[in-house]
């Protein structure tokens, strides 16, 4: 059977259009690679595991509130708890990076904000 008798005569292959479906994984990967989403996801993971990073007692008085440009911002309920986090900042940084699976945190900044 020749291509012309099969109904293929004169038809060209269709070029992909921008409206063609795309795999959901590719779309999600693209969205999650965007910085605000990625940082938000990291803070969410840290929030859920904060007691594993700093211990139960310190987790009651502190929480991670931001991550931008390698700086983790931690909220402390008082100046004394802020001093404790500052004292432990190298260990906190190491444990946070282990939790996140990357060396993304290079500095820990502490703010006092009773909460």
N, C-alpha and C. Protein backbone atom coordinates (compact mmCIF):
# COMPACT_ATOMS: atom_id res chain seq x y z
N UNK A 1 0.85 -1.17 0.00
CA UNK A 1 0.00 0.00 0.00
C UNK A 1 0.90 1.23 0.00
N UNK A 2 0.66 2.13 -0.89
CA UNK A 2 1.50 3.31 -0.99
C UNK A 2 0.99 4.39 -0.04
N UNK A 3 1.87 5.34 0.35
CA UNK A 3 1.44 6.41 1.25
C UNK A 3 0.27 7.19 0.71
N UNK A 4 0.20 7.38 -0.63
CA UNK A 4 -0.91 8.16 -1.17
C UNK A 4 -2.23 7.41 -1.03
N UNK A 5 -2.20 6.09 -1.16
CA UNK A 5 -3.45 5.34 -1.05
C UNK A 5 -3.87 5.17 0.40
N UNK A 6 -2.96 5.40 1.35
CA UNK A 6 -3.30 5.27 2.76
C UNK A 6 -3.79 6.59 3.34
N UNK A 7 -3.91 7.61 2.52
CA UNK A 7 -4.41 8.88 3.01
C UNK A 7 -3.34 9.81 3.54
N UNK A 8 -2.08 9.55 3.24
CA UNK A 8 -0.99 10.37 3.74
C UNK A 8 -0.53 11.42 2.74
N UNK A 9 -1.08 11.38 1.56
CA UNK A 9 -0.62 12.26 0.50
C UNK A 9 -0.82 13.73 0.87
N UNK A 10 0.28 14.49 0.83
CA UNK A 10 0.21 15.92 1.06
C UNK A 10 0.18 16.33 2.53
N UNK A 11 0.18 15.40 3.45
CA UNK A 11 0.15 15.76 4.87
C UNK A 11 1.57 15.86 5.40
N UNK A 12 1.79 16.88 6.19
CA UNK A 12 3.10 17.07 6.79
C UNK A 12 3.01 16.77 8.29
N UNK A 13 4.14 16.40 8.84
CA UNK A 13 4.18 16.16 10.29
C UNK A 13 3.87 17.46 11.02
N UNK A 14 3.09 17.35 12.06
CA UNK A 14 2.70 18.52 12.84
C UNK A 14 3.84 18.95 13.77
N UNK A 15 4.17 20.20 13.75
CA UNK A 15 5.19 20.74 14.65
C UNK A 15 4.57 20.88 16.04
N UNK A 16 5.36 20.61 17.08
CA UNK A 16 4.80 20.76 18.43
C UNK A 16 4.38 22.21 18.68
N UNK A 17 3.26 22.38 19.32
CA UNK A 17 2.81 23.74 19.64
C UNK A 17 2.97 23.97 21.13
N UNK A 18 2.89 25.22 21.51
CA UNK A 18 3.02 25.55 22.92
C UNK A 18 1.80 25.12 23.72
N UNK A 19 0.74 24.73 23.03
CA UNK A 19 -0.45 24.28 23.75
C UNK A 19 -0.47 22.77 23.94
N UNK A 20 0.58 22.07 23.46
CA UNK A 20 0.64 20.63 23.66
C UNK A 20 0.80 20.32 25.14
N UNK A 21 0.22 19.21 25.60
CA UNK A 21 0.35 18.84 27.01
C UNK A 21 1.81 18.59 27.38
N UNK A 22 2.13 18.92 28.60
CA UNK A 22 3.49 18.72 29.11
C UNK A 22 3.38 17.84 30.35
N UNK A 23 4.36 17.02 30.58
CA UNK A 23 4.33 16.14 31.75
C UNK A 23 4.23 16.98 33.02
N UNK A 24 3.37 16.55 33.94
CA UNK A 24 3.17 17.29 35.19
C UNK A 24 4.47 17.39 35.98
N UNK A 25 5.31 16.37 35.93
CA UNK A 25 6.59 16.41 36.64
C UNK A 25 7.47 17.54 36.13
N UNK A 26 7.48 17.74 34.83
CA UNK A 26 8.29 18.82 34.25
C UNK A 26 7.77 20.18 34.69
N UNK A 27 6.47 20.32 34.76
CA UNK A 27 5.87 21.58 35.19
C UNK A 27 6.21 21.85 36.65
N UNK A 28 6.01 20.83 37.50
CA UNK A 28 6.30 21.00 38.93
C UNK A 28 7.77 21.27 39.18
N UNK A 29 8.65 20.56 38.48
CA UNK A 29 10.08 20.81 38.64
C UNK A 29 10.42 22.25 38.30
N UNK A 30 9.83 22.76 37.24
CA UNK A 30 10.07 24.15 36.85
C UNK A 30 9.58 25.13 37.89
N UNK A 31 8.41 24.87 38.46
CA UNK A 31 7.87 25.75 39.50
C UNK A 31 8.69 25.70 40.77
N UNK A 32 9.07 24.50 41.19
CA UNK A 32 9.80 24.34 42.44
C UNK A 32 11.22 24.85 42.35
N UNK A 33 11.75 24.98 41.15
CA UNK A 33 13.10 25.53 41.01
C UNK A 33 13.11 27.04 41.19
N UNK A 34 11.95 27.67 41.14
CA UNK A 34 11.88 29.11 41.35
C UNK A 34 12.24 29.40 42.80
N UNK A 35 13.06 30.39 43.03
CA UNK A 35 13.62 30.67 44.35
C UNK A 35 12.60 30.82 45.48
N UNK A 36 11.57 31.65 45.35
CA UNK A 36 10.64 31.80 46.48
C UNK A 36 9.99 30.48 46.88
N UNK A 37 9.59 29.69 45.92
CA UNK A 37 8.99 28.39 46.23
C UNK A 37 9.98 27.49 46.94
N UNK A 38 11.18 27.44 46.40
CA UNK A 38 12.20 26.55 46.95
C UNK A 38 12.53 26.94 48.40
N UNK A 39 12.69 28.22 48.65
CA UNK A 39 13.00 28.66 50.01
C UNK A 39 11.82 28.40 50.94
N UNK A 40 10.62 28.62 50.45
CA UNK A 40 9.44 28.34 51.26
C UNK A 40 9.33 26.88 51.62
N UNK A 41 9.65 26.02 50.67
CA UNK A 41 9.63 24.57 50.93
C UNK A 41 10.68 24.22 51.98
N UNK A 42 11.87 24.82 51.89
CA UNK A 42 12.94 24.53 52.84
C UNK A 42 12.54 24.96 54.24
N UNK A 43 11.95 26.15 54.38
CA UNK A 43 11.51 26.62 55.69
C UNK A 43 10.42 25.72 56.24
N UNK A 44 9.51 25.28 55.39
CA UNK A 44 8.46 24.35 55.82
C UNK A 44 9.03 23.06 56.36
N UNK A 45 10.01 22.50 55.65
CA UNK A 45 10.66 21.26 56.12
C UNK A 45 11.38 21.50 57.43
N UNK A 46 12.07 22.63 57.54
CA UNK A 46 12.78 22.94 58.78
C UNK A 46 11.81 23.12 59.94
N UNK A 47 10.71 23.80 59.68
CA UNK A 47 9.72 24.01 60.73
C UNK A 47 9.21 22.71 61.31
N UNK A 48 8.99 21.73 60.45
CA UNK A 48 8.50 20.43 60.91
C UNK A 48 9.57 19.63 61.65
N UNK A 49 10.83 19.90 61.37
CA UNK A 49 11.92 19.13 61.99
C UNK A 49 12.79 19.97 62.91
N UNK A 50 12.32 21.15 63.27
CA UNK A 50 13.14 22.07 64.05
C UNK A 50 13.62 21.45 65.37
N UNK A 51 12.76 20.69 66.03
CA UNK A 51 13.17 20.07 67.30
C UNK A 51 14.29 19.06 67.09
N UNK A 52 14.36 18.44 65.92
CA UNK A 52 15.47 17.53 65.62
C UNK A 52 16.77 18.31 65.42
N UNK A 53 16.65 19.54 64.96
CA UNK A 53 17.83 20.37 64.71
C UNK A 53 18.38 20.96 66.00
N UNK A 54 17.50 21.53 66.84
CA UNK A 54 17.96 22.26 68.03
C UNK A 54 17.58 21.61 69.35
N UNK A 55 16.79 20.56 69.33
CA UNK A 55 16.34 19.94 70.58
C UNK A 55 14.97 20.48 70.98
N UNK A 56 14.27 19.69 71.79
CA UNK A 56 12.89 20.03 72.17
C UNK A 56 12.78 21.37 72.88
N UNK A 57 13.61 21.59 73.90
CA UNK A 57 13.47 22.82 74.70
C UNK A 57 13.75 24.07 73.88
N UNK A 58 14.81 24.06 73.11
CA UNK A 58 15.15 25.23 72.29
C UNK A 58 14.11 25.44 71.19
N UNK A 59 13.53 24.36 70.69
CA UNK A 59 12.49 24.47 69.66
C UNK A 59 11.22 25.13 70.20
N UNK A 60 10.99 25.01 71.50
CA UNK A 60 9.82 25.66 72.10
C UNK A 60 9.96 27.18 72.12
N UNK A 61 11.20 27.67 72.10
CA UNK A 61 11.46 29.11 72.23
C UNK A 61 11.99 29.76 70.96
N UNK A 62 12.25 28.96 69.92
CA UNK A 62 12.80 29.49 68.68
C UNK A 62 12.12 28.84 67.49
N UNK A 63 12.23 29.48 66.33
CA UNK A 63 11.71 28.87 65.10
C UNK A 63 12.39 29.51 63.88
N UNK A 64 12.56 28.71 62.82
CA UNK A 64 13.12 29.27 61.58
C UNK A 64 12.03 30.07 60.87
N UNK A 65 12.36 31.28 60.45
CA UNK A 65 11.33 32.12 59.80
C UNK A 65 11.72 32.59 58.41
N UNK A 66 12.96 32.38 58.01
CA UNK A 66 13.36 32.83 56.68
C UNK A 66 14.67 32.21 56.25
N UNK A 67 14.84 32.10 54.95
CA UNK A 67 16.08 31.58 54.37
C UNK A 67 16.27 32.28 53.03
N UNK A 68 17.29 33.13 52.97
CA UNK A 68 17.54 33.88 51.75
C UNK A 68 19.03 34.12 51.61
N UNK A 69 19.55 33.79 50.45
CA UNK A 69 20.96 34.04 50.17
C UNK A 69 21.91 33.34 51.12
N UNK A 70 21.53 32.16 51.59
CA UNK A 70 22.39 31.41 52.49
C UNK A 70 22.29 31.81 53.95
N UNK A 71 21.40 32.77 54.26
CA UNK A 71 21.23 33.23 55.64
C UNK A 71 19.91 32.68 56.19
N UNK A 72 20.02 31.87 57.24
CA UNK A 72 18.84 31.35 57.93
C UNK A 72 18.48 32.34 59.02
N UNK A 73 17.24 32.81 59.01
CA UNK A 73 16.77 33.74 60.04
C UNK A 73 15.94 32.93 61.04
N UNK A 74 16.33 33.05 62.31
CA UNK A 74 15.67 32.32 63.39
C UNK A 74 15.04 33.33 64.35
N UNK A 75 13.78 33.11 64.67
CA UNK A 75 13.08 33.94 65.66
C UNK A 75 13.28 33.32 67.03
N UNK A 76 13.64 34.15 68.01
CA UNK A 76 13.78 33.70 69.40
C UNK A 76 12.79 34.47 70.26
N UNK A 77 12.25 33.82 71.28
CA UNK A 77 11.22 34.46 72.11
C UNK A 77 11.78 35.48 73.09
N UNK A 78 13.09 35.44 73.35
CA UNK A 78 13.71 36.41 74.26
C UNK A 78 15.19 36.55 73.92
N UNK A 79 15.81 37.56 74.52
CA UNK A 79 17.24 37.80 74.28
C UNK A 79 18.09 36.63 74.76
N UNK A 80 17.69 36.00 75.85
CA UNK A 80 18.49 34.87 76.36
C UNK A 80 18.43 33.67 75.42
N UNK A 81 17.27 33.40 74.83
CA UNK A 81 17.17 32.31 73.86
C UNK A 81 17.89 32.67 72.57
N UNK A 82 17.87 33.94 72.20
CA UNK A 82 18.62 34.39 71.02
C UNK A 82 20.12 34.17 71.23
N UNK A 83 20.60 34.48 72.44
CA UNK A 83 22.02 34.27 72.76
C UNK A 83 22.38 32.79 72.66
N UNK A 84 21.48 31.93 73.09
CA UNK A 84 21.72 30.48 73.03
C UNK A 84 21.87 30.01 71.58
N UNK A 85 20.97 30.47 70.71
CA UNK A 85 21.05 30.10 69.29
C UNK A 85 22.33 30.65 68.66
N UNK A 86 22.67 31.89 69.00
CA UNK A 86 23.92 32.47 68.47
C UNK A 86 25.12 31.64 68.90
N UNK A 87 25.14 31.23 70.15
CA UNK A 87 26.24 30.42 70.67
C UNK A 87 26.35 29.09 69.92
N UNK A 88 25.21 28.53 69.56
CA UNK A 88 25.17 27.23 68.88
C UNK A 88 25.07 27.35 67.35
N UNK A 89 25.28 28.54 66.82
CA UNK A 89 25.00 28.78 65.39
C UNK A 89 25.78 27.86 64.45
N UNK A 90 27.04 27.54 64.75
CA UNK A 90 27.80 26.64 63.87
C UNK A 90 27.16 25.25 63.84
N UNK A 91 26.76 24.76 65.01
CA UNK A 91 26.10 23.45 65.08
C UNK A 91 24.73 23.49 64.40
N UNK A 92 23.98 24.56 64.62
CA UNK A 92 22.67 24.72 63.98
C UNK A 92 22.83 24.72 62.47
N UNK A 93 23.80 25.47 61.97
CA UNK A 93 24.05 25.53 60.52
C UNK A 93 24.36 24.15 59.96
N UNK A 94 25.22 23.40 60.64
CA UNK A 94 25.57 22.05 60.19
C UNK A 94 24.35 21.14 60.17
N UNK A 95 23.56 21.18 61.21
CA UNK A 95 22.37 20.30 61.30
C UNK A 95 21.30 20.70 60.29
N UNK A 96 21.13 22.00 60.08
CA UNK A 96 20.15 22.47 59.08
C UNK A 96 20.55 21.99 57.70
N UNK A 97 21.82 22.15 57.36
CA UNK A 97 22.29 21.70 56.04
C UNK A 97 22.11 20.20 55.88
N UNK A 98 22.31 19.45 56.94
CA UNK A 98 22.09 18.00 56.88
C UNK A 98 20.61 17.70 56.63
N UNK A 99 19.72 18.42 57.31
CA UNK A 99 18.27 18.22 57.12
C UNK A 99 17.84 18.57 55.70
N UNK A 100 18.42 19.64 55.15
CA UNK A 100 18.03 20.08 53.81
C UNK A 100 18.72 19.29 52.71
N UNK A 101 19.78 18.56 53.06
CA UNK A 101 20.49 17.76 52.07
C UNK A 101 21.39 18.58 51.17
N UNK A 102 21.76 19.77 51.60
CA UNK A 102 22.65 20.61 50.81
C UNK A 102 23.34 21.59 51.75
N UNK A 103 24.37 22.23 51.27
CA UNK A 103 25.12 23.21 52.06
C UNK A 103 24.60 24.62 51.76
N UNK A 104 23.31 24.82 51.89
CA UNK A 104 22.69 26.08 51.52
C UNK A 104 22.77 27.17 52.58
N UNK A 105 22.93 26.79 53.84
CA UNK A 105 22.99 27.78 54.92
C UNK A 105 24.44 28.05 55.27
N UNK A 106 24.84 29.31 55.17
CA UNK A 106 26.21 29.69 55.51
C UNK A 106 26.26 30.58 56.75
N UNK A 107 25.10 31.11 57.15
CA UNK A 107 25.05 32.00 58.31
C UNK A 107 23.69 31.86 58.99
N UNK A 108 23.69 32.01 60.32
CA UNK A 108 22.45 32.00 61.09
C UNK A 108 22.29 33.38 61.72
N UNK A 109 21.17 34.02 61.43
CA UNK A 109 20.85 35.34 61.99
C UNK A 109 19.68 35.15 62.94
N UNK A 110 19.76 35.76 64.11
CA UNK A 110 18.72 35.59 65.11
C UNK A 110 18.04 36.94 65.38
N UNK A 111 16.72 36.91 65.42
CA UNK A 111 15.94 38.09 65.77
C UNK A 111 15.08 37.76 66.98
N UNK A 112 14.91 38.75 67.86
CA UNK A 112 14.07 38.55 69.04
C UNK A 112 12.69 39.08 68.71
N UNK A 113 11.72 38.19 68.80
CA UNK A 113 10.33 38.55 68.53
C UNK A 113 9.46 37.62 69.36
N UNK A 114 9.03 38.07 70.53
CA UNK A 114 8.20 37.20 71.37
C UNK A 114 7.01 36.68 70.57
N UNK A 115 6.74 35.41 70.75
CA UNK A 115 5.71 34.89 69.90
C UNK A 115 4.76 34.00 70.52
